Amino acid sequence: MTMPRELRLLPWTGPDGKPCHLSTDDSGGYLSRLADHMEAAQLGMATELLDQALAMLTDADTDPTDLRLLAKDLAGALRDTLRVAISRGDRLAPIE
């Protein structure tokens, strides 16, 4: 069986906006647990934002400025969710 990738993509970026990776064999280590909690928080915030978006989009009186802010927030949540999906996918053992 092929081992999953050695580096874990973390759910945050560095100060320059570049991806951060963790090299460890300990999935229960401090940074791994911190990343797990951060991923859960990001996915939870995306879920809440989606609920808010559905409500705002059904309200004909929603201000266009609020819709632009919503689009910005949704784009950020999508970016975070994709990073979580890529990170988790990379850690799966390949199907043979």
Protein backbone atom coordinates (compact mmCIF):
# COMPACT_ATOMS: atom_id res chain seq x y z
CA MET A 1 0.00 0.00 0.00
CA THR A 2 1.26 3.48 -0.87
CA MET A 3 1.54 5.87 2.06
CA PRO A 4 -0.44 9.12 1.99
CA ARG A 5 1.50 12.28 1.31
CA GLU A 6 4.05 13.08 3.98
CA LEU A 7 3.10 16.75 4.34
CA ARG A 8 -0.25 17.89 5.66
CA LEU A 9 -1.71 21.04 4.16
CA LEU A 10 -2.72 23.18 7.12
CA PRO A 11 -5.98 25.16 7.18
CA TRP A 12 -4.18 28.50 7.35
CA THR A 13 -1.61 30.37 5.30
CA GLY A 14 1.64 32.02 6.25
CA PRO A 15 2.08 35.79 6.57
CA ASP A 16 2.84 36.01 2.84
CA GLY A 17 -0.36 34.11 1.94
CA LYS A 18 1.48 30.96 0.92
CA PRO A 19 0.24 27.53 2.06
CA CYS A 20 1.60 26.07 5.30
CA HIS A 21 2.43 22.38 5.62
CA LEU A 22 3.11 20.12 8.57
CA SER A 23 5.49 17.17 8.49
CA THR A 24 4.69 14.70 11.27
CA ASP A 25 3.93 11.06 11.90
CA ASP A 26 1.83 11.98 14.96
CA SER A 27 -1.75 12.75 13.93
CA GLY A 28 -2.53 13.37 17.62
CA GLY A 29 0.21 15.96 18.11
CA TYR A 30 -0.47 19.54 19.16
CA LEU A 31 -0.32 21.10 15.68
CA SER A 32 -2.33 18.28 14.13
CA ARG A 33 -5.06 18.70 16.76
CA LEU A 34 -4.98 22.48 16.31
CA ALA A 35 -5.38 22.03 12.55
CA ASP A 36 -8.27 19.58 13.11
CA HIS A 37 -10.05 22.11 15.34
CA MET A 38 -9.42 24.94 12.89
CA GLU A 39 -10.80 22.85 10.01
CA ALA A 40 -13.93 22.07 12.04
CA ALA A 41 -14.38 25.77 12.84
CA GLN A 42 -13.95 26.75 9.19
CA LEU A 43 -16.49 24.18 8.04
CA GLY A 44 -18.91 25.29 10.76
CA MET A 45 -18.56 28.93 9.73
CA ALA A 46 -19.14 27.97 6.08
CA THR A 47 -22.34 26.17 7.07
CA GLU A 48 -23.59 29.19 9.01
CA LEU A 49 -22.69 31.52 6.14
CA LEU A 50 -24.55 29.31 3.66
CA ASP A 51 -27.67 29.46 5.85
CA GLN A 52 -27.35 33.25 6.03
CA ALA A 53 -26.85 33.46 2.25
CA LEU A 54 -29.97 31.41 1.55
CA ALA A 55 -32.00 33.73 3.78
CA MET A 56 -30.56 36.89 2.22
CA LEU A 57 -31.09 35.67 -1.34
CA THR A 58 -34.77 35.00 -0.73
CA ASP A 59 -35.29 38.51 0.68
CA ALA A 60 -36.11 40.89 -2.18
CA ASP A 61 -35.18 43.85 0.02
CA THR A 62 -31.57 42.80 0.55
CA ASP A 63 -29.27 45.74 -0.12
CA PRO A 64 -26.79 45.28 -3.02
CA THR A 65 -23.91 46.28 -0.72
CA ASP A 66 -24.89 43.45 1.63
CA LEU A 67 -24.96 41.05 -1.32
CA ARG A 68 -21.43 42.08 -2.34
CA LEU A 69 -20.22 41.49 1.22
CA LEU A 70 -22.01 38.14 1.19
CA ALA A 71 -20.27 37.18 -2.05
CA LYS A 72 -16.88 38.13 -0.55
CA ASP A 73 -17.58 36.09 2.58
CA LEU A 74 -18.83 33.12 0.55
CA ALA A 75 -15.67 33.21 -1.59
CA GLY A 76 -13.52 33.11 1.56
CA ALA A 77 -15.55 30.25 3.00
CA LEU A 78 -15.28 28.34 -0.28
CA ARG A 79 -11.50 28.89 -0.31
CA ASP A 80 -11.22 27.53 3.25
CA THR A 81 -13.51 24.59 2.51
CA LEU A 82 -11.51 23.65 -0.58
CA ARG A 83 -8.28 23.80 1.44
CA VAL A 84 -9.83 21.44 4.02
CA ALA A 85 -11.01 19.07 1.28
CA ILE A 86 -7.59 19.03 -0.40
CA SER A 87 -5.83 18.47 2.92
CA ARG A 88 -8.13 15.62 3.91
CA GLY A 89 -7.98 14.09 0.43
CA ASP A 90 -4.19 14.17 0.47
CA ARG A 91 -4.17 12.22 3.73
CA LEU A 92 -6.33 9.40 2.36
CA ALA A 93 -4.61 6.24 1.23
CA PRO A 94 -4.88 5.92 -2.54
CA ILE A 95 -7.38 3.39 -3.88
CA GLU A 96 -5.60 0.55 -5.57
